Amino acid sequence: VAGDGKPYQVPMLAQLSVFRSGSTRTPNGLWYNFIELPYHGESISMLIALPTESSTPLSAIIPHISTKTIDSWMNTMVPKRMQLVL
């Protein structure tokens, strides 16, 4: 929020790099993307999953994410050069 009380949306992070990522769908057919953000020389990473369609709420895919799902992501991600903006 600016000094005049007006809210502004700004990216918290912007980076052009190679990230491991992929896409999949839930059992009921909702597509979503996932990306791995490495930290500390790739010994630690954060995984982010977002629905492909902006009209699909995050709550629609969360129940379908489990350790088994994450293992599947880790085995299917491919490196891609992309602009990441969070």
N, C-alpha and C. Protein backbone atom coordinates (compact mmCIF):
# COMPACT_ATOMS: atom_id res chain seq x y z
N VAL A 1 0.87 -1.17 0.00
CA VAL A 1 0.00 0.00 0.00
C VAL A 1 0.90 1.22 0.00
N ALA A 2 0.62 2.12 -0.93
CA ALA A 2 1.40 3.36 -1.05
C ALA A 2 0.98 4.36 0.02
N GLY A 3 1.75 5.43 0.12
CA GLY A 3 1.46 6.47 1.10
C GLY A 3 0.09 7.09 0.93
N ASP A 4 -0.44 7.07 -0.30
CA ASP A 4 -1.76 7.64 -0.55
C ASP A 4 -2.89 6.64 -0.26
N GLY A 5 -2.52 5.46 0.27
CA GLY A 5 -3.52 4.44 0.60
C GLY A 5 -3.90 3.54 -0.55
N LYS A 6 -3.31 3.76 -1.72
CA LYS A 6 -3.63 2.98 -2.91
C LYS A 6 -2.81 1.69 -2.94
N PRO A 7 -3.47 0.52 -3.11
CA PRO A 7 -2.71 -0.73 -3.15
C PRO A 7 -2.08 -0.96 -4.53
N TYR A 8 -0.89 -1.52 -4.52
CA TYR A 8 -0.18 -1.86 -5.75
C TYR A 8 0.30 -3.30 -5.64
N GLN A 9 0.23 -4.03 -6.75
CA GLN A 9 0.78 -5.37 -6.80
C GLN A 9 2.13 -5.30 -7.50
N VAL A 10 3.15 -5.82 -6.84
CA VAL A 10 4.49 -5.84 -7.42
C VAL A 10 5.07 -7.24 -7.27
N PRO A 11 5.88 -7.67 -8.24
CA PRO A 11 6.51 -8.98 -8.10
C PRO A 11 7.52 -8.97 -6.95
N MET A 12 7.55 -10.04 -6.19
CA MET A 12 8.49 -10.16 -5.08
C MET A 12 9.81 -10.75 -5.55
N LEU A 13 9.76 -11.49 -6.64
CA LEU A 13 10.94 -12.14 -7.18
C LEU A 13 10.78 -12.23 -8.68
N ALA A 14 11.83 -11.87 -9.41
CA ALA A 14 11.84 -12.04 -10.86
C ALA A 14 13.22 -12.56 -11.23
N GLN A 15 13.26 -13.66 -11.97
CA GLN A 15 14.53 -14.26 -12.32
C GLN A 15 14.41 -15.03 -13.63
N LEU A 16 15.35 -14.79 -14.53
CA LEU A 16 15.46 -15.56 -15.77
C LEU A 16 16.53 -16.62 -15.53
N SER A 17 16.14 -17.87 -15.59
CA SER A 17 17.08 -18.95 -15.29
C SER A 17 16.53 -20.27 -15.83
N VAL A 18 17.26 -21.32 -15.60
CA VAL A 18 16.81 -22.67 -15.95
C VAL A 18 16.24 -23.30 -14.67
N PHE A 19 14.98 -23.71 -14.74
CA PHE A 19 14.30 -24.34 -13.62
C PHE A 19 13.76 -25.68 -14.07
N ARG A 20 13.76 -26.65 -13.17
CA ARG A 20 13.10 -27.93 -13.46
C ARG A 20 11.61 -27.73 -13.23
N SER A 21 10.82 -28.16 -14.20
CA SER A 21 9.37 -27.97 -14.09
C SER A 21 8.63 -29.03 -14.89
N GLY A 22 7.32 -29.01 -14.74
CA GLY A 22 6.49 -29.95 -15.47
C GLY A 22 5.03 -29.62 -15.30
N SER A 23 4.20 -30.48 -15.84
CA SER A 23 2.75 -30.31 -15.67
C SER A 23 2.11 -31.69 -15.60
N THR A 24 0.97 -31.74 -14.97
CA THR A 24 0.22 -32.98 -14.83
C THR A 24 -1.23 -32.62 -14.57
N ARG A 25 -2.05 -33.62 -14.35
CA ARG A 25 -3.45 -33.34 -14.05
C ARG A 25 -3.92 -34.19 -12.88
N THR A 26 -4.95 -33.70 -12.24
CA THR A 26 -5.56 -34.42 -11.13
C THR A 26 -6.38 -35.58 -11.69
N PRO A 27 -6.81 -36.53 -10.86
CA PRO A 27 -7.64 -37.63 -11.35
C PRO A 27 -8.94 -37.16 -12.03
N ASN A 28 -9.43 -35.97 -11.65
CA ASN A 28 -10.65 -35.47 -12.29
C ASN A 28 -10.36 -34.52 -13.45
N GLY A 29 -9.10 -34.51 -13.94
CA GLY A 29 -8.78 -33.81 -15.17
C GLY A 29 -8.37 -32.35 -15.07
N LEU A 30 -8.07 -31.84 -13.89
CA LEU A 30 -7.62 -30.45 -13.76
C LEU A 30 -6.10 -30.40 -13.95
N TRP A 31 -5.67 -29.65 -14.96
CA TRP A 31 -4.25 -29.53 -15.25
C TRP A 31 -3.61 -28.51 -14.33
N TYR A 32 -2.36 -28.79 -13.92
CA TYR A 32 -1.60 -27.83 -13.14
C TYR A 32 -0.11 -27.97 -13.46
N ASN A 33 0.62 -26.90 -13.21
CA ASN A 33 2.06 -26.84 -13.43
C ASN A 33 2.77 -26.88 -12.10
N PHE A 34 4.00 -27.37 -12.12
CA PHE A 34 4.83 -27.36 -10.91
C PHE A 34 6.25 -26.98 -11.30
N ILE A 35 6.96 -26.39 -10.36
CA ILE A 35 8.31 -25.91 -10.60
C ILE A 35 9.13 -26.11 -9.33
N GLU A 36 10.40 -26.40 -9.52
CA GLU A 36 11.32 -26.56 -8.39
C GLU A 36 12.23 -25.34 -8.32
N LEU A 37 12.29 -24.72 -7.16
CA LEU A 37 13.18 -23.58 -6.93
C LEU A 37 14.30 -24.04 -6.00
N PRO A 38 15.52 -24.21 -6.53
CA PRO A 38 16.62 -24.72 -5.71
C PRO A 38 17.19 -23.64 -4.78
N TYR A 39 17.67 -24.11 -3.63
CA TYR A 39 18.35 -23.26 -2.65
C TYR A 39 19.63 -23.95 -2.23
N HIS A 40 20.61 -23.19 -1.78
CA HIS A 40 21.84 -23.72 -1.20
C HIS A 40 22.47 -24.80 -2.08
N GLY A 41 22.77 -24.44 -3.32
CA GLY A 41 23.45 -25.38 -4.20
C GLY A 41 22.65 -26.61 -4.52
N GLU A 42 21.36 -26.48 -4.57
CA GLU A 42 20.43 -27.54 -4.94
C GLU A 42 20.29 -28.65 -3.89
N SER A 43 20.83 -28.44 -2.68
CA SER A 43 20.64 -29.45 -1.64
C SER A 43 19.26 -29.32 -0.99
N ILE A 44 18.65 -28.15 -1.14
CA ILE A 44 17.31 -27.89 -0.62
C ILE A 44 16.53 -27.22 -1.75
N SER A 45 15.25 -27.52 -1.88
CA SER A 45 14.46 -26.85 -2.90
C SER A 45 13.03 -26.65 -2.42
N MET A 46 12.37 -25.71 -3.06
CA MET A 46 10.95 -25.46 -2.79
C MET A 46 10.18 -25.84 -4.04
N LEU A 47 9.07 -26.52 -3.87
CA LEU A 47 8.21 -26.88 -4.99
C LEU A 47 6.96 -26.03 -4.95
N ILE A 48 6.58 -25.51 -6.11
CA ILE A 48 5.37 -24.70 -6.23
C ILE A 48 4.48 -25.36 -7.27
N ALA A 49 3.20 -25.47 -6.96
CA ALA A 49 2.22 -26.01 -7.91
C ALA A 49 1.10 -25.00 -8.07
N LEU A 50 0.71 -24.75 -9.31
CA LEU A 50 -0.38 -23.82 -9.61
C LEU A 50 -1.25 -24.38 -10.73
N PRO A 51 -2.56 -24.20 -10.63
CA PRO A 51 -3.44 -24.64 -11.71
C PRO A 51 -3.08 -23.94 -13.02
N THR A 52 -3.23 -24.65 -14.13
CA THR A 52 -2.95 -24.08 -15.45
C THR A 52 -3.93 -22.97 -15.79
N GLU A 53 -5.20 -23.19 -15.49
CA GLU A 53 -6.24 -22.19 -15.76
C GLU A 53 -6.39 -21.26 -14.57
N SER A 54 -6.35 -19.96 -14.81
CA SER A 54 -6.48 -19.00 -13.71
C SER A 54 -7.84 -19.08 -13.03
N SER A 55 -8.82 -19.65 -13.70
CA SER A 55 -10.16 -19.78 -13.10
C SER A 55 -10.26 -20.98 -12.15
N THR A 56 -9.26 -21.85 -12.16
CA THR A 56 -9.26 -23.01 -11.26
C THR A 56 -8.64 -22.60 -9.93
N PRO A 57 -9.37 -22.76 -8.83
CA PRO A 57 -8.81 -22.38 -7.53
C PRO A 57 -7.72 -23.37 -7.09
N LEU A 58 -6.76 -22.86 -6.35
CA LEU A 58 -5.71 -23.71 -5.82
C LEU A 58 -6.29 -24.83 -4.96
N SER A 59 -7.38 -24.54 -4.29
CA SER A 59 -8.02 -25.55 -3.43
C SER A 59 -8.52 -26.76 -4.22
N ALA A 60 -8.63 -26.64 -5.53
CA ALA A 60 -9.09 -27.77 -6.35
C ALA A 60 -7.98 -28.80 -6.59
N ILE A 61 -6.71 -28.39 -6.48
CA ILE A 61 -5.62 -29.34 -6.71
C ILE A 61 -4.96 -29.80 -5.41
N ILE A 62 -5.04 -29.02 -4.35
CA ILE A 62 -4.36 -29.36 -3.10
C ILE A 62 -4.71 -30.75 -2.58
N PRO A 63 -5.98 -31.17 -2.59
CA PRO A 63 -6.29 -32.51 -2.07
C PRO A 63 -5.62 -33.66 -2.83
N HIS A 64 -5.14 -33.38 -4.03
CA HIS A 64 -4.54 -34.42 -4.87
C HIS A 64 -3.02 -34.46 -4.75
N ILE A 65 -2.45 -33.60 -3.90
CA ILE A 65 -0.99 -33.56 -3.74
C ILE A 65 -0.61 -34.36 -2.50
N SER A 66 0.27 -35.33 -2.71
CA SER A 66 0.74 -36.20 -1.63
C SER A 66 2.23 -36.45 -1.83
N THR A 67 2.85 -37.17 -0.92
CA THR A 67 4.26 -37.51 -1.11
C THR A 67 4.45 -38.34 -2.38
N LYS A 68 3.50 -39.19 -2.69
CA LYS A 68 3.57 -39.98 -3.93
C LYS A 68 3.52 -39.06 -5.15
N THR A 69 2.65 -38.05 -5.11
CA THR A 69 2.54 -37.08 -6.21
C THR A 69 3.86 -36.34 -6.38
N ILE A 70 4.42 -35.89 -5.27
CA ILE A 70 5.68 -35.14 -5.33
C ILE A 70 6.80 -36.01 -5.86
N ASP A 71 6.86 -37.28 -5.45
CA ASP A 71 7.85 -38.21 -6.02
C ASP A 71 7.70 -38.30 -7.53
N SER A 72 6.47 -38.33 -8.01
CA SER A 72 6.21 -38.37 -9.44
C SER A 72 6.71 -37.10 -10.12
N TRP A 73 6.46 -35.95 -9.50
CA TRP A 73 6.96 -34.68 -10.07
C TRP A 73 8.48 -34.74 -10.21
N MET A 74 9.15 -35.18 -9.14
CA MET A 74 10.61 -35.18 -9.13
C MET A 74 11.18 -36.06 -10.24
N ASN A 75 10.44 -37.12 -10.60
CA ASN A 75 10.90 -38.03 -11.65
C ASN A 75 10.55 -37.57 -13.05
N THR A 76 9.66 -36.59 -13.19
CA THR A 76 9.22 -36.18 -14.53
C THR A 76 9.60 -34.75 -14.89
N MET A 77 10.14 -33.99 -13.94
CA MET A 77 10.49 -32.60 -14.25
C MET A 77 11.63 -32.55 -15.26
N VAL A 78 11.57 -31.54 -16.12
CA VAL A 78 12.63 -31.32 -17.10
C VAL A 78 13.12 -29.88 -16.96
N PRO A 79 14.41 -29.65 -17.21
CA PRO A 79 14.93 -28.29 -17.11
C PRO A 79 14.44 -27.44 -18.28
N LYS A 80 14.00 -26.22 -17.96
CA LYS A 80 13.56 -25.27 -18.99
C LYS A 80 14.04 -23.89 -18.61
N ARG A 81 14.47 -23.15 -19.60
CA ARG A 81 14.84 -21.75 -19.36
C ARG A 81 13.55 -20.94 -19.36
N MET A 82 13.31 -20.19 -18.29
CA MET A 82 12.07 -19.41 -18.20
C MET A 82 12.24 -18.20 -17.31
N GLN A 83 11.34 -17.26 -17.48
CA GLN A 83 11.26 -16.08 -16.64
C GLN A 83 10.28 -16.40 -15.52
N LEU A 84 10.78 -16.45 -14.30
CA LEU A 84 9.94 -16.73 -13.13
C LEU A 84 9.64 -15.41 -12.43
N VAL A 85 8.37 -15.14 -12.20
CA VAL A 85 7.96 -13.94 -11.48
C VAL A 85 6.99 -14.37 -10.39
N LEU A 86 7.35 -14.06 -9.15
CA LEU A 86 6.49 -14.38 -8.01
C LEU A 86 6.08 -13.10 -7.32
